[in-house]
Each structure stands twice: as C-alpha cells, then as structure tokens.
Amino acid sequence: MQPSSDQALVKFIADVFRECGEAHSRAFRDKDGHDPEWPLWYADFLMGRLTKRLKAKFTKSELVYLLVAADREQEFRAPGADWPGYYAKFFYDRYL
C-alpha cells in the first residue's frame, strides 16, 4: 500500500471506532455512558466492519482481547490521546 492509502485506511478505522463510541454512548445514556463490559458491546458493533476492511479473521473473543489490550496500552503510553486514532493505529499495525 502507498503511504496515502495507509493513512486513509487508518483514518477510516478511526472513524469506525469513533462511530462505535458514539453509538455506545447513546445506548448507555441512562447510565451516563458507564458500561464495565464495554469491550463486549464494542466487539458486537465492530466485528463485521473491521474484519471486512482489515481482511482479518478474528473471533469475537479475540476482538474483545484486542480492545482491552488497545485500551490498556493507550492508557499507559498515551493517556489523554485521541483514543479512536490510537486504537486505529493499534489494529492497523497488527493486521496490515
């Protein structure tokens, strides 16, 4: 892939994560967005969107694991960073 198409793909993935976060916030509005099991909800939302675009084959359990790993890594390495962008790069680095 060319650098510009790599950047476009990372942006696309970040946009999918952003869309997921917004949908999750709406779904848990009555709880102020609090959901201790958020990786499960996110995995359901993201499964088809990410596997198709990344051409990756992972199970829901693997996706939950990757979401938790991305979350913990981002908290440690880049606290306060734009999480959708960080997660997008995390997934891109592992699947492309």
Protein backbone atom coordinates (compact mmCIF):
# COMPACT_ATOMS: atom_id res chain seq x y z
CA MET A 1 0.00 0.00 0.00
CA GLN A 2 1.09 3.55 -0.64
CA PRO A 3 1.52 5.88 2.36
CA SER A 4 -1.53 7.94 1.42
CA SER A 5 -3.73 4.87 1.21
CA ASP A 6 -2.30 3.67 4.55
CA GLN A 7 -3.27 7.00 6.11
CA ALA A 8 -6.73 6.79 4.56
CA LEU A 9 -7.23 3.31 5.98
CA VAL A 10 -6.10 4.37 9.46
CA LYS A 11 -8.50 7.32 9.24
CA PHE A 12 -11.32 5.02 8.14
CA ILE A 13 -10.66 2.68 11.07
CA ALA A 14 -10.52 5.63 13.49
CA ASP A 15 -13.85 6.84 12.11
CA VAL A 16 -15.35 3.38 12.73
CA PHE A 17 -14.11 3.47 16.33
CA ARG A 18 -15.49 6.99 16.75
CA GLU A 19 -18.87 5.88 15.37
CA CYS A 20 -18.81 2.91 17.75
CA GLY A 21 -18.05 5.14 20.73
CA GLU A 22 -20.90 7.48 19.86
CA ALA A 23 -23.34 4.60 19.41
CA HIS A 24 -22.23 3.11 22.73
CA SER A 25 -22.74 6.45 24.49
CA ARG A 26 -26.26 6.67 23.08
CA ALA A 27 -27.04 3.09 24.10
CA PHE A 28 -25.86 3.71 27.67
CA ARG A 29 -27.09 7.28 28.03
CA ASP A 30 -29.27 6.37 31.01
CA LYS A 31 -26.10 5.16 32.79
CA ASP A 32 -24.02 8.21 31.79
CA GLY A 33 -22.18 6.00 29.31
CA HIS A 34 -20.89 3.71 32.06
CA ASP A 35 -20.58 0.10 30.96
CA PRO A 36 -17.98 -2.11 32.63
CA GLU A 37 -18.47 -4.67 29.85
CA TRP A 38 -17.90 -2.16 27.02
CA PRO A 39 -15.47 -4.43 25.10
CA LEU A 40 -18.28 -6.95 24.55
CA TRP A 41 -20.62 -4.26 23.20
CA TYR A 42 -17.88 -2.77 21.04
CA ALA A 43 -16.96 -6.20 19.65
CA ASP A 44 -20.53 -6.80 18.52
CA PHE A 45 -20.62 -3.40 16.83
CA LEU A 46 -17.17 -3.66 15.23
CA MET A 47 -16.94 -7.30 14.18
CA GLY A 48 -18.23 -7.06 10.63
CA ARG A 49 -16.92 -3.56 10.00
CA LEU A 50 -13.33 -4.36 10.95
CA THR A 51 -12.98 -7.89 9.61
CA LYS A 52 -14.16 -6.82 6.17
CA ARG A 53 -11.97 -3.73 5.91
CA LEU A 54 -8.86 -5.22 7.53
CA LYS A 55 -9.30 -8.56 5.78
CA ALA A 56 -8.69 -10.05 9.21
CA LYS A 57 -10.20 -13.15 10.68
CA PHE A 58 -10.67 -12.96 14.39
CA THR A 59 -13.29 -14.26 16.74
CA LYS A 60 -15.37 -12.07 19.00
CA SER A 61 -13.20 -13.21 21.91
CA GLU A 62 -10.05 -12.15 20.06
CA LEU A 63 -11.60 -8.80 19.24
CA VAL A 64 -12.55 -8.27 22.90
CA TYR A 65 -8.95 -9.13 23.86
CA LEU A 66 -7.57 -6.66 21.31
CA LEU A 67 -9.89 -3.90 22.50
CA VAL A 68 -8.78 -4.39 26.10
CA ALA A 69 -5.12 -4.54 25.01
CA ALA A 70 -5.50 -1.32 22.99
CA ASP A 71 -7.21 0.37 25.92
CA ARG A 72 -4.52 -0.61 28.41
CA GLU A 73 -1.69 0.28 26.05
CA GLN A 74 -3.20 3.67 25.27
CA GLU A 75 -3.69 4.41 28.98
CA PHE A 76 -0.03 3.55 29.63
CA ARG A 77 1.68 5.02 26.55
CA ALA A 78 -0.58 7.88 25.55
CA PRO A 79 -3.00 8.87 28.30
CA GLY A 80 -5.35 11.55 27.08
CA ALA A 81 -4.65 10.79 23.42
CA ASP A 82 -7.44 10.61 20.86
CA TRP A 83 -8.48 7.04 21.58
CA PRO A 84 -10.10 6.28 18.17
CA GLY A 85 -6.89 7.29 16.41
CA TYR A 86 -4.77 5.30 18.83
CA TYR A 87 -6.94 2.19 18.51
CA ALA A 88 -6.94 2.52 14.72
CA LYS A 89 -3.14 2.52 14.61
CA PHE A 90 -3.05 -0.36 17.12
CA PHE A 91 -5.28 -2.51 14.88
CA TYR A 92 -3.61 -1.37 11.65
CA ASP A 93 -0.16 -2.32 12.99
CA ARG A 94 -1.38 -5.82 13.79
CA TYR A 95 -3.41 -6.62 10.70
CA LEU A 96 -1.80 -4.82 7.76
